[in-house]
Protein backbone atom coordinates (compact mmCIF):
# COMPACT_ATOMS: atom_id res chain seq x y z
CA MET A 1 44.10 -36.73 63.62
CA LYS A 2 45.45 -38.80 60.68
CA SER A 3 48.19 -37.14 58.58
CA LYS A 4 47.44 -39.12 55.37
CA ALA A 5 44.46 -40.62 53.64
CA GLU A 6 43.53 -42.05 50.31
CA VAL A 7 40.37 -40.11 50.04
CA VAL A 8 39.12 -37.09 52.03
CA ILE A 9 35.45 -36.14 51.95
CA ILE A 10 34.50 -32.62 53.08
CA GLY A 11 30.96 -32.37 54.45
CA GLY A 12 29.23 -34.59 56.88
CA GLY A 13 25.55 -34.57 55.82
CA SER A 14 23.59 -37.30 54.31
CA THR A 15 25.64 -37.22 51.08
CA GLY A 16 29.05 -37.07 52.65
CA THR A 17 28.40 -39.90 55.08
CA SER A 18 26.85 -41.99 52.25
CA ILE A 19 30.00 -41.48 50.09
CA ALA A 20 32.14 -42.50 52.96
CA TYR A 21 30.10 -45.63 53.65
CA HIS A 22 30.08 -46.60 50.00
CA LEU A 23 33.75 -46.08 49.55
CA ALA A 24 34.46 -48.29 52.57
CA LYS A 25 31.99 -50.88 51.13
CA LEU A 26 34.14 -51.01 47.91
CA GLY A 27 37.19 -51.83 49.96
CA VAL A 28 38.78 -48.34 50.12
CA GLU A 29 40.67 -48.76 53.49
CA ASP A 30 41.86 -45.20 54.11
CA VAL A 31 38.99 -42.72 53.98
CA VAL A 32 38.67 -39.56 56.06
CA LEU A 33 35.42 -37.51 56.45
CA LEU A 34 35.75 -33.88 57.76
CA GLU A 35 32.78 -31.94 59.12
CA LYS A 36 33.25 -28.31 60.34
CA ASN A 37 30.35 -28.63 62.93
CA TYR A 38 28.64 -31.85 63.93
CA LEU A 39 27.37 -34.48 61.45
CA GLY A 40 24.12 -33.41 59.66
CA SER A 41 24.34 -29.90 60.96
CA GLY A 42 24.03 -28.27 57.49
CA SER A 43 21.03 -29.03 55.47
CA THR A 44 20.29 -32.67 56.37
CA PHE A 45 18.99 -32.23 59.92
CA ARG A 46 16.83 -29.27 58.88
CA CYS A 47 14.95 -30.96 56.05
CA ALA A 48 11.34 -32.15 55.99
CA SER A 49 12.30 -35.84 55.65
CA GLY A 50 10.56 -36.53 52.33
CA ILE A 51 11.63 -39.01 49.56
CA ARG A 52 10.03 -39.01 46.18
CA ALA A 53 10.34 -40.05 42.62
CA GLN A 54 7.60 -37.55 41.39
CA PHE A 55 9.93 -35.42 39.36
CA THR A 56 9.15 -33.94 35.97
CA ASP A 57 12.29 -34.96 33.96
CA GLU A 58 13.80 -38.31 33.07
CA ALA A 59 17.13 -37.95 34.87
CA ASN A 60 15.67 -37.21 38.29
CA ILE A 61 12.91 -39.76 37.91
CA LYS A 62 15.24 -42.59 37.00
CA LEU A 63 17.63 -41.65 39.86
CA GLN A 64 14.88 -41.49 42.32
CA LYS A 65 13.18 -44.68 41.34
CA TYR A 66 16.62 -46.34 41.96
CA ASN A 67 16.89 -44.49 45.17
CA ILE A 68 13.57 -45.62 46.60
CA GLU A 69 14.63 -49.27 46.01
CA ARG A 70 17.83 -48.46 48.00
CA TRP A 71 15.72 -46.74 50.76
CA LYS A 72 13.50 -49.81 51.11
CA ASN A 73 16.53 -52.00 52.06
CA LEU A 74 18.71 -49.48 53.88
CA SER A 75 17.80 -50.35 57.40
CA GLU A 76 18.71 -53.97 56.86
CA GLU A 77 21.89 -52.97 54.94
CA LEU A 78 23.11 -50.54 57.56
CA GLU A 79 21.80 -52.76 60.46
CA TYR A 80 20.04 -49.82 61.96
CA ASP A 81 16.41 -48.80 61.69
CA ILE A 82 16.25 -45.46 59.74
CA HIS A 83 12.45 -45.43 59.95
CA PHE A 84 11.87 -45.32 56.27
CA LYS A 85 8.17 -45.59 55.48
CA GLN A 86 6.42 -45.51 52.11
CA THR A 87 3.66 -43.10 53.01
CA GLY A 88 3.48 -41.52 49.57
CA TYR A 89 3.43 -37.98 48.13
CA LEU A 90 0.14 -36.27 47.18
CA PHE A 91 0.24 -33.30 44.88
CA LEU A 92 -3.02 -31.45 44.43
CA ALA A 93 -4.31 -29.55 41.38
CA THR A 94 -6.35 -26.38 41.62
CA THR A 95 -7.10 -25.71 37.91
CA GLU A 96 -7.76 -27.80 34.84
CA GLU A 97 -4.42 -26.65 33.45
CA GLU A 98 -2.69 -28.18 36.43
CA VAL A 99 -4.64 -31.41 35.93
CA GLU A 100 -3.35 -31.65 32.49
CA ALA A 101 0.18 -30.95 33.63
CA PHE A 102 -0.23 -33.65 36.28
CA LYS A 103 -1.29 -36.14 33.54
CA GLN A 104 1.85 -35.46 31.48
CA ASN A 105 4.02 -35.78 34.52
CA ILE A 106 2.29 -38.99 35.46
CA LYS A 107 2.77 -40.44 31.99
CA LEU A 108 6.54 -39.61 32.09
CA GLN A 109 6.93 -41.17 35.60
CA ASN A 110 4.92 -44.25 34.55
CA LYS A 111 7.17 -44.66 31.52
CA PHE A 112 10.16 -45.31 33.96
CA GLY A 113 8.20 -47.56 36.34
CA VAL A 114 7.06 -44.94 38.94
CA PRO A 115 3.53 -45.91 39.95
CA THR A 116 2.00 -42.39 40.16
CA ARG A 117 -1.63 -42.08 39.18
CA LEU A 118 -4.29 -39.43 39.02
CA ILE A 119 -6.96 -39.66 41.79
CA ASP A 120 -10.13 -37.92 42.65
CA MET A 121 -10.84 -35.98 45.88
CA ASP A 122 -12.84 -38.82 47.42
CA GLU A 123 -9.70 -41.01 47.34
CA ALA A 124 -7.50 -38.08 48.46
CA LYS A 125 -9.77 -37.80 51.52
CA GLU A 126 -9.30 -41.42 52.36
CA ILE A 127 -5.55 -40.86 52.21
CA VAL A 128 -5.46 -37.73 54.20
CA PRO A 129 -8.65 -37.67 56.30
CA PRO A 130 -8.58 -34.01 57.47
CA LEU A 131 -7.79 -32.64 53.94
CA ASN A 132 -9.87 -29.70 52.67
CA THR A 133 -10.84 -31.18 49.31
CA GLU A 134 -13.13 -28.22 48.19
CA PRO A 135 -10.47 -26.13 46.35
CA PHE A 136 -8.94 -29.14 44.51
CA LEU A 137 -9.81 -30.94 41.29
CA ALA A 138 -7.53 -33.98 41.33
CA GLY A 139 -4.40 -35.28 42.89
CA ALA A 140 -1.14 -36.93 41.62
CA TRP A 141 -0.57 -39.83 44.04
CA ASN A 142 2.46 -42.10 44.34
CA PRO A 143 2.24 -44.50 47.33
CA ALA A 144 5.86 -45.61 46.74
CA ASP A 145 7.19 -42.25 47.82
CA GLY A 146 7.94 -41.81 51.49
CA LYS A 147 10.02 -40.42 54.36
CA ALA A 148 12.81 -41.30 56.69
CA CYS A 149 14.42 -39.92 59.82
CA PRO A 150 17.34 -37.69 58.79
CA PHE A 151 18.97 -38.05 62.19
CA ARG A 152 18.86 -41.82 62.00
CA VAL A 153 20.10 -41.89 58.38
CA VAL A 154 23.20 -39.83 59.05
CA TYR A 155 23.89 -41.75 62.24
CA ALA A 156 23.52 -45.03 60.37
CA PHE A 157 25.75 -44.18 57.51
CA ALA A 158 28.41 -42.80 59.81
CA ARG A 159 28.21 -45.71 62.25
CA LYS A 160 28.64 -48.28 59.52
CA ALA A 161 31.39 -46.28 57.84
CA ARG A 162 33.32 -46.09 61.08
CA GLU A 163 32.91 -49.88 61.54
CA MET A 164 34.50 -50.35 58.20
CA GLY A 165 37.53 -48.19 59.00
CA VAL A 166 36.49 -44.60 57.95
CA GLU A 167 37.80 -41.84 60.26
CA ILE A 168 35.34 -39.14 60.79
CA TYR A 169 36.41 -35.76 62.37
CA GLU A 170 33.60 -33.43 63.57
CA HIS A 171 34.26 -29.78 64.53
CA THR A 172 37.17 -29.85 62.04
CA PRO A 173 36.80 -26.99 59.59
CA VAL A 174 38.76 -27.16 56.32
CA THR A 175 40.98 -24.07 55.93
CA GLY A 176 42.56 -24.81 52.51
CA LEU A 177 43.43 -27.38 49.83
CA ILE A 178 46.94 -27.99 48.59
CA VAL A 179 46.97 -28.15 44.88
CA GLU A 180 50.20 -28.41 42.89
CA ASN A 181 50.25 -28.53 39.00
CA GLY A 182 46.56 -29.24 38.95
CA GLU A 183 46.81 -32.19 41.42
CA ILE A 184 45.47 -32.62 44.91
CA LYS A 185 48.22 -32.97 47.48
CA GLY A 186 46.42 -32.32 50.67
CA VAL A 187 43.76 -30.80 52.88
CA LYS A 188 44.52 -28.11 55.49
CA THR A 189 42.25 -28.09 58.60
CA GLU A 190 42.33 -26.21 61.84
CA LYS A 191 43.80 -29.40 63.45
CA GLY A 192 46.52 -30.10 60.93
CA VAL A 193 47.16 -31.17 57.35
CA ILE A 194 46.01 -34.46 55.71
CA LYS A 195 48.06 -35.57 52.77
CA THR A 196 45.77 -36.97 50.08
CA GLY A 197 45.37 -37.31 46.33
CA ILE A 198 41.54 -37.50 46.18
CA VAL A 199 39.00 -34.98 47.62
CA VAL A 200 35.23 -35.02 47.44
CA ASN A 201 33.44 -31.75 47.92
CA ALA A 202 30.19 -32.65 49.62
CA ALA A 203 29.81 -29.35 51.37
CA ASN A 204 26.53 -28.32 49.60
CA ALA A 205 25.85 -24.61 50.64
CA TRP A 206 29.55 -24.33 51.47
CA ALA A 207 30.76 -25.97 48.28
CA PRO A 208 31.80 -22.81 46.52
CA ILE A 209 34.22 -22.03 49.39
CA ILE A 210 35.83 -25.44 48.94
CA ASN A 211 36.07 -24.94 45.12
CA GLU A 212 37.77 -21.60 45.63
CA MET A 213 40.24 -23.27 47.88
CA ALA A 214 41.14 -25.49 45.02
CA GLY A 215 41.99 -22.44 42.94
CA LEU A 216 38.72 -22.33 41.01
CA GLU A 217 36.39 -19.29 40.75
CA ARG A 218 33.79 -19.37 43.53
CA ASP A 219 31.05 -19.18 40.95
CA PHE A 220 32.59 -21.77 38.67
CA ILE A 221 29.61 -23.86 40.03
CA PRO A 222 27.09 -21.18 41.02
CA ILE A 223 25.52 -22.55 44.27
CA ARG A 224 23.57 -20.06 46.19
CA PRO A 225 22.17 -20.63 49.72
CA TYR A 226 18.49 -19.74 50.23
CA LYS A 227 16.99 -19.85 53.67
CA HIS A 228 14.02 -22.24 53.89
CA GLN A 229 12.13 -22.70 57.01
CA ILE A 230 9.72 -25.33 58.65
CA VAL A 231 7.07 -24.96 61.47
CA LYS A 232 6.19 -28.02 63.40
CA THR A 233 3.11 -28.56 65.52
CA GLU A 234 2.47 -30.74 68.62
CA PRO A 235 1.66 -34.31 67.87
CA ILE A 236 -1.68 -35.23 66.41
CA ALA A 237 -3.38 -38.60 66.04
CA PRO A 238 -1.41 -41.10 63.98
CA GLY A 239 -2.31 -41.58 60.34
CA GLN A 240 -3.82 -38.15 59.58
CA ILE A 241 -1.38 -36.56 57.23
CA GLU A 242 1.11 -39.36 56.58
CA PRO A 243 2.01 -38.49 52.92
CA LEU A 244 3.64 -35.10 52.05
CA THR A 245 0.60 -33.18 50.83
CA CYS A 246 1.15 -30.21 48.52
CA PRO A 247 -0.81 -27.97 46.14
CA PRO A 248 2.13 -26.47 44.12
CA ALA A 249 0.00 -23.56 43.07
CA TRP A 250 -0.29 -22.46 46.67
CA ASN A 251 3.31 -21.18 46.92
CA ASP A 252 4.70 -24.69 46.95
CA SER A 253 3.16 -25.11 50.44
CA TYR A 254 3.07 -28.48 52.04
CA VAL A 255 2.25 -30.41 55.28
CA ILE A 256 3.58 -33.79 56.38
CA GLN A 257 3.23 -35.69 59.64
CA ASP A 258 6.51 -36.39 61.23
CA GLY A 259 7.26 -40.06 61.14
CA GLU A 260 8.88 -40.02 64.52
CA ASP A 261 6.43 -38.16 66.91
CA GLY A 262 3.34 -37.41 64.86
CA GLY A 263 3.80 -33.52 64.81
CA VAL A 264 2.91 -31.83 61.60
CA MET A 265 5.72 -30.13 59.57
CA CYS A 266 4.54 -27.22 57.48
CA GLY A 267 6.53 -25.59 54.70
CA THR A 268 6.09 -22.99 51.98
CA GLY A 269 8.14 -21.57 49.15
CA LEU A 270 9.17 -18.40 50.84
CA GLU A 271 12.86 -18.05 50.11
CA LYS A 272 15.27 -15.54 51.65
CA GLU A 273 18.90 -14.94 50.99
CA PRO A 274 20.69 -15.41 54.32
CA LEU A 275 22.75 -12.73 55.83
CA SER A 276 25.61 -15.22 55.99
CA LEU A 277 26.18 -19.02 56.04
CA ASP A 278 25.53 -18.84 59.79
CA ASP A 279 22.15 -17.21 59.42
CA VAL A 280 19.58 -19.92 60.39
CA GLN A 281 17.40 -17.60 62.46
CA PRO A 282 13.70 -18.34 61.90
CA THR A 283 11.45 -15.41 60.96
CA TYR A 284 7.99 -14.23 61.85
CA ASP A 285 6.98 -13.52 58.26
CA PHE A 286 7.58 -17.15 57.38
CA LEU A 287 5.50 -18.25 60.36
CA ARG A 288 2.68 -16.08 59.29
CA GLU A 289 2.79 -17.12 55.61
CA VAL A 290 3.20 -20.97 56.15
CA LEU A 291 0.28 -21.08 58.65
CA LYS A 292 -1.92 -19.24 56.14
CA TRP A 293 -1.39 -22.00 53.54
CA ALA A 294 -1.26 -24.93 56.02
CA THR A 295 -4.60 -24.13 57.51
CA LYS A 296 -6.15 -23.83 53.99
CA ILE A 297 -4.80 -27.40 53.16
CA ILE A 298 -5.83 -28.83 56.66
CA PRO A 299 -8.35 -26.50 58.40
CA ALA A 300 -8.14 -28.44 61.58
CA LEU A 301 -4.47 -27.23 62.08
CA LYS A 302 -6.02 -23.87 63.29
CA TYR A 303 -6.63 -25.71 66.51
CA VAL A 304 -3.10 -27.36 66.95
CA HIS A 305 -0.28 -25.64 68.80
CA VAL A 306 2.97 -24.73 66.99
CA VAL A 307 5.93 -26.05 69.04
CA ARG A 308 8.96 -25.39 66.85
CA GLN A 309 10.29 -23.43 64.00
CA TRP A 310 13.60 -23.74 62.29
CA ALA A 311 15.64 -22.70 59.23
CA GLY A 312 18.15 -24.30 56.92
CA PHE A 313 19.58 -23.93 53.46
CA TYR A 314 18.49 -24.93 50.04
CA ALA A 315 21.80 -24.92 48.18
CA LYS A 316 20.46 -23.99 44.72
CA THR A 317 21.95 -24.08 41.36
CA PRO A 318 20.43 -22.03 38.44
CA ASP A 319 18.49 -25.03 37.24
CA SER A 320 17.79 -26.52 40.75
CA ASN A 321 19.84 -29.71 39.77
CA PRO A 322 22.80 -30.75 41.69
CA ALA A 323 26.49 -30.67 40.45
CA ILE A 324 27.68 -34.29 40.61
CA GLY A 325 30.87 -35.73 39.17
CA ARG A 326 34.58 -35.06 38.52
CA ILE A 327 35.93 -31.53 38.15
CA GLN A 328 38.21 -31.46 35.07
CA TYR A 329 40.52 -28.62 36.22
CA VAL A 330 41.95 -30.31 39.32
CA ASP A 331 42.81 -34.01 39.10
CA GLU A 332 40.82 -36.19 41.47
CA LEU A 333 38.66 -33.46 42.67
CA TYR A 334 35.01 -34.57 42.81
CA ILE A 335 31.80 -32.75 43.78
CA ALA A 336 28.30 -33.71 44.91
CA ALA A 337 26.64 -30.51 45.98
CA GLY A 338 24.01 -27.84 45.09
CA PHE A 339 21.04 -30.30 45.72
CA SER A 340 18.50 -27.55 45.82
CA GLY A 341 16.54 -29.23 48.56
CA HIS A 342 16.87 -32.83 47.29
CA GLY A 343 20.07 -34.02 48.82
CA PHE A 344 18.59 -36.15 51.60
CA MET A 345 16.30 -38.07 49.28
CA MET A 346 19.13 -38.65 46.72
CA ALA A 347 21.88 -39.62 49.21
CA PRO A 348 22.04 -43.39 48.98
CA GLY A 349 22.28 -43.61 45.15
CA VAL A 350 24.56 -40.49 44.89
CA GLY A 351 26.89 -41.84 47.57
CA GLU A 352 27.13 -45.12 45.70
CA ALA A 353 27.69 -43.45 42.30
CA ILE A 354 30.40 -41.10 43.53
CA ALA A 355 32.19 -43.95 45.30
CA GLU A 356 32.08 -46.21 42.20
CA LEU A 357 33.19 -43.37 40.03
CA ILE A 358 36.33 -42.86 42.16
CA VAL A 359 37.09 -46.61 42.47
CA LYS A 360 35.93 -47.93 39.16
CA GLY A 361 35.73 -44.95 36.92
CA LYS A 362 32.06 -45.63 36.19
CA SER A 363 28.88 -46.59 38.08
CA LYS A 364 25.95 -49.02 37.69
CA VAL A 365 23.66 -46.47 39.40
CA PRO A 366 21.32 -44.93 36.88
CA LEU A 367 22.70 -41.51 37.39
CA ASP A 368 22.92 -39.34 34.28
CA TRP A 369 26.36 -37.89 34.61
CA GLU A 370 25.84 -35.48 31.65
CA TRP A 371 22.64 -34.21 33.20
CA TYR A 372 24.35 -33.38 36.51
CA ASP A 373 27.70 -32.37 35.00
CA PRO A 374 29.45 -29.78 37.08
CA HIS A 375 30.77 -28.06 33.97
CA ARG A 376 27.39 -27.33 32.44
CA PHE A 377 27.13 -23.96 34.00
CA GLU A 378 30.28 -22.51 32.49
CA ARG A 379 29.03 -23.77 29.19
CA GLY A 380 25.60 -22.15 29.65
CA GLU A 381 23.85 -25.50 29.37
CA LEU A 382 21.23 -25.32 31.96
CA ARG A 383 18.82 -28.25 32.44
CA SER A 384 15.03 -28.08 32.71
CA THR A 385 14.50 -26.87 36.38
CA ALA A 386 14.12 -29.73 38.77
CA PHE A 387 10.72 -29.83 40.48
CA GLN A 388 11.34 -28.57 43.93
CA ILE A 389 9.11 -29.11 47.08
CA GLY A 390 9.78 -31.32 50.05
């Protein structure tokens, strides 16, 4: 293992590998990425693959509109097919009040160039043929939203980063940071010490542990892990449930057909605090709850076999927005964590922005640094809660 690096990134998910790639792309020749397990083993490989710009606040909408443009060209850029498909997101309203809220959200999204529109149930049925339209009044439909393969994305970022000189060490837990007089001096690992002056904390659910190693209070940035789960069915005919389809009023439940094998991934907003950061054991109460809602959205799923169930973490902040930027109390310590379920979809733009911040001190990415400011929590300045789901 190397004993010295210009930049050390902690965390090998979609965000960490994206940062590594973008630093190399900017010409930083001495970058190390450390992952305590295998790449993608945290939240990325456990996500539902969705990518959307249908948020309810300006900052997330603008960032995600930019990200979708990045996603469209990422396979060509990374020279590896990440299976990005613009299959859309379809949110479904069950009451007139929800319809009015959808209209306001659509107006805001349209203001920033996101092509969401309100559709009736006849059109929704054309988009999702097996949909049970009876309970719903209208849909918020954005065909530009989509999905990609998390496994391919992490592999593609890491592969390209390695080609450009990044050293990636898997199964290398960080055991401490060396900080002297408020400056980063090195990173301690189980395999030795790496001297460095710049560290990026991209550990998501594990980010508070890394902050504590830097001498900060663990709750300086209050990131809490919540166990979210997904159930997946056997493959069904292609093109049946291509968009992520979700009635938010039904416990944030959703269904989406896997872009890789055609199985249906089913989720719901049943959150549990894990016993530990190793607790990714699926639960029967989730299985029962998620299938109740999934079969109401798509009744034909009653006749499809469940083949898998898994769990992962939403690393949540109090306002469900991530902490992205420079930490003031330790020179050259950066963070991109607490994504609250949105890290995968934000990874291209966030990786680019953090890399540019490190190298240039600013970024052309339309990322609102004030909105995502890591110090907002200690000031008690919470943002409007980011719209979660998929």
